[in-house]
Amino acid sequence: MLQELGLLVWLDQAVDISALRRVNQALYLLTTGARESSFRNIKTIAECLADELINAAKGSSNNYAIKKKDEIEQFAKANR
């Protein structure tokens, strides 16, 4: 906290997140990607989830979860 001209200014700080939160976020991103890819598509949700898991294991850049993770990390780096 800084004090300039009698005003209080808060500085944001990076905070480490717990392992459980990281796992929950990864599962959320995988299921969201599978749900969005199966919407208005011939593939079933199970097939789309399998594709998401395979692409995530390969580290494919067209995977929804990997894209969102990279986006979140880039946003966090920009705000440091």
Protein backbone atom coordinates (compact mmCIF):
# COMPACT_ATOMS: atom_id res chain seq x y z
CA MET A 1 0.00 0.00 0.00
CA LEU A 2 1.36 3.40 -0.96
CA GLN A 3 0.32 6.72 0.36
CA GLU A 4 0.48 9.59 -2.10
CA LEU A 5 -1.09 12.98 -1.44
CA GLY A 6 -3.26 11.52 1.29
CA LEU A 7 -4.80 8.89 -1.04
CA LEU A 8 -4.47 5.18 -0.52
CA VAL A 9 -3.32 3.19 -3.53
CA TRP A 10 -3.44 -0.61 -3.52
CA LEU A 11 -0.91 -2.62 -5.47
CA ASP A 12 -1.92 -6.03 -6.78
CA GLN A 13 0.48 -8.87 -6.04
CA ALA A 14 0.81 -12.24 -7.71
CA VAL A 15 -0.43 -15.06 -5.51
CA ASP A 16 0.35 -18.74 -5.83
CA ILE A 17 -2.72 -20.95 -6.10
CA SER A 18 -3.20 -24.30 -4.42
CA ALA A 19 -2.76 -27.64 -6.15
CA LEU A 20 -6.46 -28.45 -5.79
CA ARG A 21 -7.43 -25.19 -7.51
CA ARG A 22 -5.07 -25.99 -10.41
CA VAL A 23 -6.62 -29.45 -10.83
CA ASN A 24 -10.16 -28.06 -10.61
CA GLN A 25 -9.36 -25.37 -13.17
CA ALA A 26 -7.79 -27.92 -15.55
CA LEU A 27 -10.84 -30.19 -15.32
CA TYR A 28 -13.17 -27.23 -15.82
CA LEU A 29 -11.29 -26.07 -18.92
CA LEU A 30 -11.23 -29.61 -20.38
CA THR A 31 -14.96 -30.14 -19.88
CA THR A 32 -15.82 -26.65 -21.14
CA GLY A 33 -13.80 -27.26 -24.29
CA ALA A 34 -15.50 -30.62 -24.86
CA ARG A 35 -18.94 -29.09 -24.29
CA GLU A 36 -18.30 -26.22 -26.68
CA SER A 37 -16.87 -28.47 -29.40
CA SER A 38 -19.82 -30.89 -29.19
CA PHE A 39 -22.42 -28.11 -29.39
CA ARG A 40 -24.23 -28.31 -32.76
CA ASN A 41 -21.86 -31.05 -33.87
CA ILE A 42 -22.38 -34.64 -34.98
CA LYS A 43 -19.78 -35.87 -32.48
CA THR A 44 -20.99 -36.95 -29.08
CA ILE A 45 -19.74 -35.27 -25.92
CA ALA A 46 -17.74 -38.42 -25.12
CA GLU A 47 -15.90 -38.24 -28.44
CA CYS A 48 -15.21 -34.55 -27.99
CA LEU A 49 -13.96 -35.12 -24.44
CA ALA A 50 -11.66 -37.87 -25.70
CA ASP A 51 -10.32 -35.51 -28.37
CA GLU A 52 -9.74 -32.80 -25.75
CA LEU A 53 -7.85 -35.21 -23.49
CA ILE A 54 -5.70 -36.53 -26.34
CA ASN A 55 -4.89 -33.03 -27.59
CA ALA A 56 -4.10 -31.87 -24.05
CA ALA A 57 -1.74 -34.81 -23.56
CA LYS A 58 0.01 -33.94 -26.82
CA GLY A 59 0.17 -30.27 -25.84
CA SER A 60 -1.63 -29.33 -29.03
CA SER A 61 -2.17 -25.61 -29.51
CA ASN A 62 -5.70 -26.11 -30.90
CA ASN A 63 -6.86 -27.50 -27.54
CA TYR A 64 -9.33 -25.24 -25.69
CA ALA A 65 -7.82 -25.91 -22.25
CA ILE A 66 -4.26 -25.17 -23.41
CA LYS A 67 -5.35 -21.96 -25.15
CA LYS A 68 -7.21 -20.71 -22.09
CA LYS A 69 -4.33 -21.65 -19.75
CA ASP A 70 -1.87 -19.74 -21.93
CA GLU A 71 -4.28 -16.80 -22.09
CA ILE A 72 -4.62 -16.73 -18.29
CA GLU A 73 -0.83 -16.95 -17.81
CA GLN A 74 -0.22 -14.18 -20.35
CA PHE A 75 -2.78 -11.97 -18.59
CA ALA A 76 -1.13 -12.68 -15.22
CA LYS A 77 2.33 -11.80 -16.57
CA ALA A 78 1.00 -8.55 -18.00
CA ASN A 79 -0.43 -7.56 -14.62
CA ARG A 80 2.72 -8.12 -12.58
